Amino acid sequence: MQTKEVKNKLKNGLYVVSTPIGNLRDISLRAIDVLKKSHLILCEDTRVSKKILNTYDINSSLISYHKFNETEKLHKIIKELKSDKIVSLISDAGTPAISDPGKILIKECIKNDINVLPIPGASAVSTSISISGFSDKYYFYGFLPEKKSQIVKEVKKLSSFENSIIFFISSKKINKILDPFIDYFSDREIVICKEITKIYEHFYRLKIKDFKKFDISLKGEITIVVSQKLFKAKNLEILNESDKVKIKKLINKLSVKDIVNIICENKNIPKKIVYDFCLNLKKWMQEI
């Protein structure tokens, strides 16, 4: 019995606990255990968090901790943690400190040598990329700026990124991103994830060039996944099919330089054409 008690005892410190992003059953047994043993639970909106706590009969003290008061309450929370308390940080949905409050507190805990311990679980980021069908090499951006001019500036900058890109956006503002996305991501695909894990969960899959204004009413926060850059080889008409087949057979055996020399030998083909074809082929092979 003593061994079991020691094994189940939690370290003192701050626990960053993931909660469901919609369906309340998407919570881990460990998360429930930690929340029940916490002296204090920090949350964004007590009304939202009480639904989770009531569902799992969790009676720990709950206090509001959001972006408008996180600096103000920092000293008090650190004091609690220094007195060997177990404190949990949760957000309204998903994994805390990802486009949510928490970073200031976590940095202060690290500065004060206080344990910061993760309790993994649901995240809209990993959930959306897992069903996208796009490259799993991705960049998470989070929420775009408010002003359209700033959105255009950010999207233009992001358009040079080759990997998949994930955004959070309010459903009320989704039509705001329409023009910038078409202008700078026109050759990519998109998945718009609505109400993930909830009753009315839906995934809109389309090419960005076909992205049109939403006339229907969307609710809550939307997660958007933009596909990786789709590379297209240019000027390949100079290479005949037999050359392409030969390159594909050699691409994993020889260097690009050697392949260029072999293909261009005794032929009037610009080396850059063969070189570009090889690079695009390698990129395509890495993405599938």
C-alpha atoms as a PDB file:
ATOM      1  CA  MET A   1       0.000   0.000   0.000  1.00  0.00           C
ATOM      2  CA  GLN A   2       2.840   2.406   0.852  1.00  0.00           C
ATOM      3  CA  THR A   3       4.498   1.724  -2.516  1.00  0.00           C
ATOM      4  CA  LYS A   4       1.228   2.461  -4.304  1.00  0.00           C
ATOM      5  CA  GLU A   5       0.796   5.750  -2.411  1.00  0.00           C
ATOM      6  CA  VAL A   6       4.332   6.911  -3.264  1.00  0.00           C
ATOM      7  CA  LYS A   7       3.789   5.950  -6.907  1.00  0.00           C
ATOM      8  CA  ASN A   8       0.523   7.923  -7.116  1.00  0.00           C
ATOM      9  CA  LYS A   9       1.834  10.998  -5.286  1.00  0.00           C
ATOM     10  CA  LEU A  10       2.219  14.065  -7.483  1.00  0.00           C
ATOM     11  CA  LYS A  11       5.244  16.345  -7.472  1.00  0.00           C
ATOM     12  CA  ASN A  12       4.539  19.875  -6.336  1.00  0.00           C
ATOM     13  CA  GLY A  13       4.506  22.413  -9.135  1.00  0.00           C
ATOM     14  CA  LEU A  14       2.566  23.721 -12.108  1.00  0.00           C
ATOM     15  CA  TYR A  15       0.750  21.166 -14.252  1.00  0.00           C
ATOM     16  CA  VAL A  16      -0.122  22.237 -17.797  1.00  0.00           C
ATOM     17  CA  VAL A  17      -3.192  20.082 -18.375  1.00  0.00           C
ATOM     18  CA  SER A  18      -4.811  19.470 -21.764  1.00  0.00           C
ATOM     19  CA  THR A  19      -8.609  19.392 -21.790  1.00  0.00           C
ATOM     20  CA  PRO A  20     -11.086  18.398 -24.558  1.00  0.00           C
ATOM     21  CA  ILE A  21     -11.439  20.632 -27.616  1.00  0.00           C
ATOM     22  CA  GLY A  22     -15.131  19.794 -27.888  1.00  0.00           C
ATOM     23  CA  ASN A  23     -16.198  16.296 -26.931  1.00  0.00           C
ATOM     24  CA  LEU A  24     -15.911  16.035 -23.130  1.00  0.00           C
ATOM     25  CA  ARG A  25     -14.910  12.370 -23.372  1.00  0.00           C
ATOM     26  CA  ASP A  26     -11.616  13.371 -24.988  1.00  0.00           C
ATOM     27  CA  ILE A  27      -9.851  13.753 -21.646  1.00  0.00           C
ATOM     28  CA  SER A  28      -7.203  11.426 -20.259  1.00  0.00           C
ATOM     29  CA  LEU A  29      -7.489   9.491 -17.015  1.00  0.00           C
ATOM     30  CA  ARG A  30      -4.245  11.113 -15.890  1.00  0.00           C
ATOM     31  CA  ALA A  31      -5.644  14.612 -16.538  1.00  0.00           C
ATOM     32  CA  ILE A  32      -8.676  13.827 -14.348  1.00  0.00           C
ATOM     33  CA  ASP A  33      -6.416  12.488 -11.596  1.00  0.00           C
ATOM     34  CA  VAL A  34      -4.148  15.561 -11.639  1.00  0.00           C
ATOM     35  CA  LEU A  35      -7.079  17.992 -11.615  1.00  0.00           C
ATOM     36  CA  LYS A  36      -8.655  16.174  -8.651  1.00  0.00           C
ATOM     37  CA  LYS A  37      -5.390  16.375  -6.699  1.00  0.00           C
ATOM     38  CA  SER A  38      -4.748  20.030  -7.526  1.00  0.00           C
ATOM     39  CA  HIS A  39      -5.040  22.598  -4.754  1.00  0.00           C
ATOM     40  CA  LEU A  40      -5.830  25.219  -7.370  1.00  0.00           C
ATOM     41  CA  ILE A  41      -6.937  25.158 -11.012  1.00  0.00           C
ATOM     42  CA  LEU A  42      -6.310  28.204 -13.213  1.00  0.00           C
ATOM     43  CA  CYS A  43      -8.751  28.575 -16.105  1.00  0.00           C
ATOM     44  CA  GLU A  44      -9.784  31.133 -18.725  1.00  0.00           C
ATOM     45  CA  ASP A  45     -13.532  31.112 -18.122  1.00  0.00           C
ATOM     46  CA  THR A  46     -14.870  29.475 -14.957  1.00  0.00           C
ATOM     47  CA  ARG A  47     -18.273  28.882 -16.597  1.00  0.00           C
ATOM     48  CA  VAL A  48     -16.685  26.812 -19.381  1.00  0.00           C
ATOM     49  CA  SER A  49     -14.311  24.912 -17.081  1.00  0.00           C
ATOM     50  CA  LYS A  50     -17.028  24.031 -14.560  1.00  0.00           C
ATOM     51  CA  LYS A  51     -18.725  21.911 -17.229  1.00  0.00           C
ATOM     52  CA  ILE A  52     -15.637  19.698 -17.418  1.00  0.00           C
ATOM     53  CA  LEU A  53     -15.065  19.634 -13.666  1.00  0.00           C
ATOM     54  CA  ASN A  54     -18.699  18.802 -12.897  1.00  0.00           C
ATOM     55  CA  THR A  55     -18.704  16.014 -15.487  1.00  0.00           C
ATOM     56  CA  TYR A  56     -15.798  14.282 -13.743  1.00  0.00           C
ATOM     57  CA  ASP A  57     -16.661  15.199 -10.146  1.00  0.00           C
ATOM     58  CA  ILE A  58     -13.608  17.429  -9.707  1.00  0.00           C
ATOM     59  CA  ASN A  59     -13.971  19.758  -6.700  1.00  0.00           C
ATOM     60  CA  SER A  60     -10.630  21.596  -6.687  1.00  0.00           C
ATOM     61  CA  SER A  61     -10.634  25.381  -6.245  1.00  0.00           C
ATOM     62  CA  LEU A  62     -11.071  27.200  -9.528  1.00  0.00           C
ATOM     63  CA  ILE A  63      -9.899  30.739 -10.293  1.00  0.00           C
ATOM     64  CA  SER A  64     -10.113  32.822 -13.443  1.00  0.00           C
ATOM     65  CA  TYR A  65      -6.770  33.308 -15.200  1.00  0.00           C
ATOM     66  CA  HIS A  66      -6.879  34.920 -18.660  1.00  0.00           C
ATOM     67  CA  LYS A  67      -4.953  37.318 -20.897  1.00  0.00           C
ATOM     68  CA  PHE A  68      -6.405  40.383 -19.150  1.00  0.00           C
ATOM     69  CA  ASN A  69      -5.323  39.425 -15.610  1.00  0.00           C
ATOM     70  CA  GLU A  70      -2.414  37.002 -16.003  1.00  0.00           C
ATOM     71  CA  THR A  71       0.225  39.601 -15.078  1.00  0.00           C
ATOM     72  CA  GLU A  72      -1.859  40.925 -12.176  1.00  0.00           C
ATOM     73  CA  LYS A  73      -2.317  37.450 -10.636  1.00  0.00           C
ATOM     74  CA  LEU A  74       1.209  36.210 -11.342  1.00  0.00           C
ATOM     75  CA  HIS A  75       2.718  37.081  -7.932  1.00  0.00           C
ATOM     76  CA  LYS A  76      -0.099  35.382  -6.005  1.00  0.00           C
ATOM     77  CA  ILE A  77       0.137  32.172  -8.052  1.00  0.00           C
ATOM     78  CA  ILE A  78       3.925  31.970  -7.718  1.00  0.00           C
ATOM     79  CA  LYS A  79       3.509  32.414  -3.959  1.00  0.00           C
ATOM     80  CA  GLU A  80       1.090  29.459  -3.884  1.00  0.00           C
ATOM     81  CA  LEU A  81       3.490  27.327  -5.908  1.00  0.00           C
ATOM     82  CA  LYS A  82       6.424  28.194  -3.620  1.00  0.00           C
ATOM     83  CA  SER A  83       4.366  26.961  -0.669  1.00  0.00           C
ATOM     84  CA  ASP A  84       4.448  23.443  -2.161  1.00  0.00           C
ATOM     85  CA  LYS A  85       1.015  23.577  -3.733  1.00  0.00           C
ATOM     86  CA  ILE A  86      -0.108  21.620  -6.772  1.00  0.00           C
ATOM     87  CA  VAL A  87      -1.495  24.071  -9.314  1.00  0.00           C
ATOM     88  CA  SER A  88      -3.014  23.122 -12.668  1.00  0.00           C
ATOM     89  CA  LEU A  89      -3.340  25.381 -15.690  1.00  0.00           C
ATOM     90  CA  ILE A  90      -6.118  24.652 -18.187  1.00  0.00           C
ATOM     91  CA  SER A  91      -7.599  26.576 -21.102  1.00  0.00           C
ATOM     92  CA  ASP A  92     -11.173  26.667 -22.372  1.00  0.00           C
ATOM     93  CA  ALA A  93     -10.239  23.915 -24.822  1.00  0.00           C
ATOM     94  CA  GLY A  94      -7.156  21.951 -25.807  1.00  0.00           C
ATOM     95  CA  THR A  95      -3.564  22.354 -24.686  1.00  0.00           C
ATOM     96  CA  PRO A  96      -2.790  25.515 -22.640  1.00  0.00           C
ATOM     97  CA  ALA A  97      -0.254  28.160 -23.707  1.00  0.00           C
ATOM     98  CA  ILE A  98      -0.826  27.476 -27.431  1.00  0.00           C
ATOM     99  CA  SER A  99      -2.478  30.726 -28.563  1.00  0.00           C
ATOM    100  CA  ASP A 100      -3.843  30.870 -24.993  1.00  0.00           C
ATOM    101  CA  PRO A 101      -2.637  32.434 -21.693  1.00  0.00           C
ATOM    102  CA  GLY A 102       0.103  30.657 -19.771  1.00  0.00           C
ATOM    103  CA  LYS A 103       3.478  31.583 -21.231  1.00  0.00           C
ATOM    104  CA  ILE A 104       4.104  34.376 -18.699  1.00  0.00           C
ATOM    105  CA  LEU A 105       3.392  32.038 -15.773  1.00  0.00           C
ATOM    106  CA  ILE A 106       5.446  29.181 -17.214  1.00  0.00           C
ATOM    107  CA  LYS A 107       8.459  31.474 -17.762  1.00  0.00           C
ATOM    108  CA  GLU A 108       8.169  32.775 -14.201  1.00  0.00           C
ATOM    109  CA  CYS A 109       8.018  29.216 -12.835  1.00  0.00           C
ATOM    110  CA  ILE A 110      11.168  28.289 -14.753  1.00  0.00           C
ATOM    111  CA  LYS A 111      12.869  31.445 -13.454  1.00  0.00           C
ATOM    112  CA  ASN A 112      11.950  30.448  -9.867  1.00  0.00           C
ATOM    113  CA  ASP A 113      12.990  26.809 -10.313  1.00  0.00           C
ATOM    114  CA  ILE A 114       9.396  25.580  -9.892  1.00  0.00           C
ATOM    115  CA  ASN A 115       8.443  22.298 -11.571  1.00  0.00           C
ATOM    116  CA  VAL A 116       6.476  22.709 -14.815  1.00  0.00           C
ATOM    117  CA  LEU A 117       4.908  19.411 -15.845  1.00  0.00           C
ATOM    118  CA  PRO A 118       2.893  18.638 -18.999  1.00  0.00           C
ATOM    119  CA  ILE A 119      -0.237  16.478 -19.029  1.00  0.00           C
ATOM    120  CA  PRO A 120      -0.692  15.860 -22.769  1.00  0.00           C
ATOM    121  CA  GLY A 121      -3.981  15.463 -24.545  1.00  0.00           C
ATOM    122  CA  ALA A 122      -6.241  17.091 -27.103  1.00  0.00           C
ATOM    123  CA  SER A 123      -4.970  19.864 -29.370  1.00  0.00           C
ATOM    124  CA  ALA A 124      -6.691  21.422 -32.380  1.00  0.00           C
ATOM    125  CA  VAL A 125      -3.251  21.775 -33.991  1.00  0.00           C
ATOM    126  CA  SER A 126      -2.291  18.087 -34.064  1.00  0.00           C
ATOM    127  CA  THR A 127      -5.915  16.992 -34.605  1.00  0.00           C
ATOM    128  CA  SER A 128      -6.372  19.127 -37.730  1.00  0.00           C
ATOM    129  CA  ILE A 129      -3.039  18.212 -39.342  1.00  0.00           C
ATOM    130  CA  SER A 130      -3.697  14.513 -38.697  1.00  0.00           C
ATOM    131  CA  ILE A 131      -6.821  14.484 -40.900  1.00  0.00           C
ATOM    132  CA  SER A 132      -5.655  17.013 -43.500  1.00  0.00           C
ATOM    133  CA  GLY A 133      -3.831  14.629 -45.822  1.00  0.00           C
ATOM    134  CA  PHE A 134      -1.143  17.305 -46.173  1.00  0.00           C
ATOM    135  CA  SER A 135       2.549  17.190 -45.303  1.00  0.00           C
ATOM    136  CA  ASP A 136       3.170  16.602 -41.584  1.00  0.00           C
ATOM    137  CA  LYS A 137       6.014  19.100 -41.758  1.00  0.00           C
ATOM    138  CA  TYR A 138       4.006  22.112 -40.681  1.00  0.00           C
ATOM    139  CA  TYR A 139       4.215  25.633 -39.295  1.00  0.00           C
ATOM    140  CA  PHE A 140       1.683  26.660 -36.651  1.00  0.00           C
ATOM    141  CA  TYR A 141       0.824  30.346 -36.952  1.00  0.00           C
ATOM    142  CA  GLY A 142      -2.194  30.688 -34.663  1.00  0.00           C
ATOM    143  CA  PHE A 143      -4.470  33.743 -34.894  1.00  0.00           C
ATOM    144  CA  LEU A 144      -3.991  36.228 -37.739  1.00  0.00           C
ATOM    145  CA  PRO A 145      -4.031  39.992 -36.962  1.00  0.00           C
ATOM    146  CA  GLU A 146      -7.278  41.980 -36.848  1.00  0.00           C
ATOM    147  CA  LYS A 147      -6.699  44.504 -39.646  1.00  0.00           C
ATOM    148  CA  LYS A 148      -6.924  43.304 -43.249  1.00  0.00           C
ATOM    149  CA  SER A 149      -3.748  45.193 -44.227  1.00  0.00           C
ATOM    150  CA  GLN A 150      -1.847  43.272 -41.527  1.00  0.00           C
ATOM    151  CA  ILE A 151      -3.417  39.985 -42.642  1.00  0.00           C
ATOM    152  CA  VAL A 152      -2.215  40.644 -46.205  1.00  0.00           C
ATOM    153  CA  LYS A 153       1.285  41.412 -44.940  1.00  0.00           C
ATOM    154  CA  GLU A 154       1.457  38.190 -42.858  1.00  0.00           C
ATOM    155  CA  VAL A 155      -0.033  35.932 -45.544  1.00  0.00           C
ATOM    156  CA  LYS A 156       2.364  37.335 -48.153  1.00  0.00           C
ATOM    157  CA  LYS A 157       5.287  36.503 -45.850  1.00  0.00           C
ATOM    158  CA  LEU A 158       3.943  33.012 -45.109  1.00  0.00           C
ATOM    159  CA  SER A 159       3.421  32.238 -48.804  1.00  0.00           C
ATOM    160  CA  SER A 160       7.160  31.582 -49.157  1.00  0.00           C
ATOM    161  CA  PHE A 161       6.973  28.746 -46.587  1.00  0.00           C
ATOM    162  CA  GLU A 162       7.064  25.357 -48.273  1.00  0.00           C
ATOM    163  CA  ASN A 163       5.394  23.362 -45.478  1.00  0.00           C
ATOM    164  CA  SER A 164       1.756  23.080 -44.366  1.00  0.00           C
ATOM    165  CA  ILE A 165       0.493  26.044 -42.309  1.00  0.00           C
ATOM    166  CA  ILE A 166      -2.104  25.972 -39.519  1.00  0.00           C
ATOM    167  CA  PHE A 167      -4.237  28.960 -38.510  1.00  0.00           C
ATOM    168  CA  PHE A 168      -6.842  29.632 -35.823  1.00  0.00           C
ATOM    169  CA  ILE A 169      -9.591  32.073 -36.769  1.00  0.00           C
ATOM    170  CA  SER A 170     -12.917  33.243 -35.404  1.00  0.00           C
ATOM    171  CA  SER A 171     -15.808  31.954 -37.519  1.00  0.00           C
ATOM    172  CA  LYS A 172     -17.097  35.548 -37.779  1.00  0.00           C
ATOM    173  CA  LYS A 173     -13.875  36.643 -39.489  1.00  0.00           C
ATOM    174  CA  ILE A 174     -13.350  33.792 -41.938  1.00  0.00           C
ATOM    175  CA  ASN A 175     -14.451  35.826 -44.982  1.00  0.00           C
ATOM    176  CA  LYS A 176     -11.791  38.411 -44.058  1.00  0.00           C
ATOM    177  CA  ILE A 177      -9.012  36.034 -45.107  1.00  0.00           C
ATOM    178  CA  LEU A 178     -10.606  35.084 -48.439  1.00  0.00           C
ATOM    179  CA  ASP A 179      -8.837  37.549 -50.769  1.00  0.00           C
ATOM    180  CA  PRO A 180      -5.349  37.329 -49.195  1.00  0.00           C
ATOM    181  CA  PHE A 181      -5.465  33.511 -49.276  1.00  0.00           C
ATOM    182  CA  ILE A 182      -6.511  33.445 -52.951  1.00  0.00           C
ATOM    183  CA  ASP A 183      -3.826  36.010 -53.822  1.00  0.00           C
ATOM    184  CA  TYR A 184      -0.917  34.268 -52.087  1.00  0.00           C
ATOM    185  CA  PHE A 185      -1.913  30.587 -51.647  1.00  0.00           C
ATOM    186  CA  SER A 186      -3.745  30.076 -54.955  1.00  0.00           C
ATOM    187  CA  ASP A 187      -1.754  26.973 -55.922  1.00  0.00           C
ATOM    188  CA  ARG A 188      -2.439  25.205 -52.598  1.00  0.00           C
ATOM    189  CA  GLU A 189      -5.272  23.236 -51.025  1.00  0.00           C
ATOM    190  CA  ILE A 190      -7.098  23.938 -47.781  1.00  0.00           C
ATOM    191  CA  VAL A 191      -9.031  22.148 -45.039  1.00  0.00           C
ATOM    192  CA  ILE A 192     -11.400  24.276 -42.944  1.00  0.00           C
ATOM    193  CA  CYS A 193     -12.159  22.425 -39.692  1.00  0.00           C
ATOM    194  CA  LYS A 194     -15.437  23.426 -38.045  1.00  0.00           C
ATOM    195  CA  GLU A 195     -16.449  22.358 -34.526  1.00  0.00           C
ATOM    196  CA  ILE A 196     -13.852  19.582 -34.253  1.00  0.00           C
ATOM    197  CA  THR A 197     -15.089  16.570 -32.183  1.00  0.00           C
ATOM    198  CA  LYS A 198     -18.534  18.182 -31.620  1.00  0.00           C
ATOM    199  CA  ILE A 199     -21.941  17.081 -32.943  1.00  0.00           C
ATOM    200  CA  TYR A 200     -21.804  19.406 -35.962  1.00  0.00           C
ATOM    201  CA  GLU A 201     -18.164  18.674 -36.802  1.00  0.00           C
ATOM    202  CA  HIS A 202     -17.426  19.276 -40.473  1.00  0.00           C
ATOM    203  CA  PHE A 203     -14.374  19.524 -42.718  1.00  0.00           C
ATOM    204  CA  TYR A 204     -14.475  21.645 -45.859  1.00  0.00           C
ATOM    205  CA  ARG A 205     -11.818  20.434 -48.322  1.00  0.00           C
ATOM    206  CA  LEU A 206     -11.112  22.517 -51.417  1.00  0.00           C
ATOM    207  CA  LYS A 207      -8.499  24.163 -53.595  1.00  0.00           C
ATOM    208  CA  ILE A 208      -7.790  27.676 -52.407  1.00  0.00           C
ATOM    209  CA  LYS A 209      -8.457  29.100 -55.867  1.00  0.00           C
ATOM    210  CA  ASP A 210     -12.032  27.784 -55.418  1.00  0.00           C
ATOM    211  CA  PHE A 211     -12.385  29.341 -51.952  1.00  0.00           C
ATOM    212  CA  LYS A 212     -15.601  31.412 -51.895  1.00  0.00           C
ATOM    213  CA  LYS A 213     -17.339  33.577 -49.344  1.00  0.00           C
ATOM    214  CA  PHE A 214     -19.156  31.649 -46.618  1.00  0.00           C
ATOM    215  CA  ASP A 215     -22.847  32.500 -46.727  1.00  0.00           C
ATOM    216  CA  ILE A 216     -23.733  29.995 -44.023  1.00  0.00           C
ATOM    217  CA  SER A 217     -23.403  30.827 -40.342  1.00  0.00           C
ATOM    218  CA  LEU A 218     -20.345  29.241 -38.722  1.00  0.00           C
ATOM    219  CA  LYS A 219     -19.879  29.057 -34.973  1.00  0.00           C
ATOM    220  CA  GLY A 220     -16.921  29.144 -32.601  1.00  0.00           C
ATOM    221  CA  GLU A 221     -13.267  29.056 -33.556  1.00  0.00           C
ATOM    222  CA  ILE A 222     -12.197  27.534 -36.845  1.00  0.00           C
ATOM    223  CA  THR A 223      -8.933  25.690 -37.471  1.00  0.00           C
ATOM    224  CA  ILE A 224      -7.567  26.053 -40.991  1.00  0.00           C
ATOM    225  CA  VAL A 225      -4.845  23.934 -42.569  1.00  0.00           C
ATOM    226  CA  VAL A 226      -3.193  25.190 -45.763  1.00  0.00           C
ATOM    227  CA  SER A 227      -1.332  22.519 -47.709  1.00  0.00           C
ATOM    228  CA  GLN A 228       2.375  22.464 -48.409  1.00  0.00           C
ATOM    229  CA  LYS A 229       3.600  24.245 -51.532  1.00  0.00           C
ATOM    230  CA  LEU A 230       2.797  22.111 -54.554  1.00  0.00           C
ATOM    231  CA  PHE A 231       5.915  22.086 -56.684  1.00  0.00           C
ATOM    232  CA  LYS A 232       5.547  21.970 -60.431  1.00  0.00           C
ATOM    233  CA  ALA A 233       8.475  21.357 -62.704  1.00  0.00           C
ATOM    234  CA  LYS A 234       8.857  24.005 -65.379  1.00  0.00           C
ATOM    235  CA  ASN A 235      10.048  23.807 -68.959  1.00  0.00           C
ATOM    236  CA  LEU A 236       9.948  20.023 -68.984  1.00  0.00           C
ATOM    237  CA  GLU A 237       8.951  19.928 -72.640  1.00  0.00           C
ATOM    238  CA  ILE A 238      12.639  19.954 -73.460  1.00  0.00           C
ATOM    239  CA  LEU A 239      13.051  16.643 -71.634  1.00  0.00           C
ATOM    240  CA  ASN A 240      11.497  13.693 -73.417  1.00  0.00           C
ATOM    241  CA  GLU A 241       9.840  10.829 -71.560  1.00  0.00           C
ATOM    242  CA  SER A 242      12.834   8.512 -71.838  1.00  0.00           C
ATOM    243  CA  ASP A 243      15.018  11.175 -70.182  1.00  0.00           C
ATOM    244  CA  LYS A 244      12.519  11.530 -67.326  1.00  0.00           C
ATOM    245  CA  VAL A 245      12.367   7.769 -66.782  1.00  0.00           C
ATOM    246  CA  LYS A 246      16.160   7.599 -66.758  1.00  0.00           C
ATOM    247  CA  ILE A 247      16.381  10.416 -64.169  1.00  0.00           C
ATOM    248  CA  LYS A 248      13.829   8.671 -61.914  1.00  0.00           C
ATOM    249  CA  LYS A 249      15.934   5.492 -61.987  1.00  0.00           C
ATOM    250  CA  LEU A 250      19.132   7.386 -61.142  1.00  0.00           C
ATOM    251  CA  ILE A 251      17.792   9.921 -58.616  1.00  0.00           C
ATOM    252  CA  ASN A 252      18.524   7.758 -55.554  1.00  0.00           C
ATOM    253  CA  LYS A 253      21.775   6.337 -56.911  1.00  0.00           C
ATOM    254  CA  LEU A 254      23.764   9.307 -58.165  1.00  0.00           C
ATOM    255  CA  SER A 255      24.266  12.949 -57.263  1.00  0.00           C
ATOM    256  CA  VAL A 256      22.263  15.579 -59.116  1.00  0.00           C
ATOM    257  CA  LYS A 257      25.459  16.832 -60.715  1.00  0.00           C
ATOM    258  CA  ASP A 258      26.264  13.380 -62.114  1.00  0.00           C
ATOM    259  CA  ILE A 259      22.708  12.933 -63.437  1.00  0.00           C
ATOM    260  CA  VAL A 260      22.874  16.316 -65.186  1.00  0.00           C
ATOM    261  CA  ASN A 261      26.135  15.348 -66.894  1.00  0.00           C
ATOM    262  CA  ILE A 262      24.737  11.993 -68.034  1.00  0.00           C
ATOM    263  CA  ILE A 263      21.480  13.409 -69.433  1.00  0.00           C
ATOM    264  CA  CYS A 264      23.094  16.409 -71.120  1.00  0.00           C
ATOM    265  CA  GLU A 265      25.929  14.437 -72.707  1.00  0.00           C
ATOM    266  CA  ASN A 266      25.610  14.608 -76.505  1.00  0.00           C
ATOM    267  CA  LYS A 267      22.280  16.470 -76.201  1.00  0.00           C
ATOM    268  CA  ASN A 268      21.381  20.111 -76.624  1.00  0.00           C
ATOM    269  CA  ILE A 269      19.519  20.363 -73.324  1.00  0.00           C
ATOM    270  CA  PRO A 270      20.275  23.255 -70.922  1.00  0.00           C
ATOM    271  CA  LYS A 271      21.771  21.844 -67.726  1.00  0.00           C
ATOM    272  CA  LYS A 272      19.504  24.032 -65.602  1.00  0.00           C
ATOM    273  CA  ILE A 273      16.418  22.295 -67.013  1.00  0.00           C
ATOM    274  CA  VAL A 274      17.699  18.885 -65.908  1.00  0.00           C
ATOM    275  CA  TYR A 275      18.957  20.272 -62.606  1.00  0.00           C
ATOM    276  CA  ASP A 276      15.546  21.849 -61.790  1.00  0.00           C
ATOM    277  CA  PHE A 277      13.736  18.638 -62.743  1.00  0.00           C
ATOM    278  CA  CYS A 278      15.962  16.645 -60.359  1.00  0.00           C
ATOM    279  CA  LEU A 279      15.383  19.057 -57.465  1.00  0.00           C
ATOM    280  CA  ASN A 280      11.628  19.108 -57.962  1.00  0.00           C
ATOM    281  CA  LEU A 281      11.566  15.329 -58.188  1.00  0.00           C
ATOM    282  CA  LYS A 282      13.493  15.019 -54.911  1.00  0.00           C
ATOM    283  CA  LYS A 283      11.117  17.433 -53.184  1.00  0.00           C
ATOM    284  CA  TRP A 284       8.099  15.553 -54.491  1.00  0.00           C
ATOM    285  CA  MET A 285       9.538  12.229 -53.275  1.00  0.00           C
ATOM    286  CA  GLN A 286      10.103  13.665 -49.792  1.00  0.00           C
ATOM    287  CA  GLU A 287       6.499  14.825 -49.536  1.00  0.00           C
ATOM    288  CA  ILE A 288       4.798  11.542 -50.415  1.00  0.00           C
END
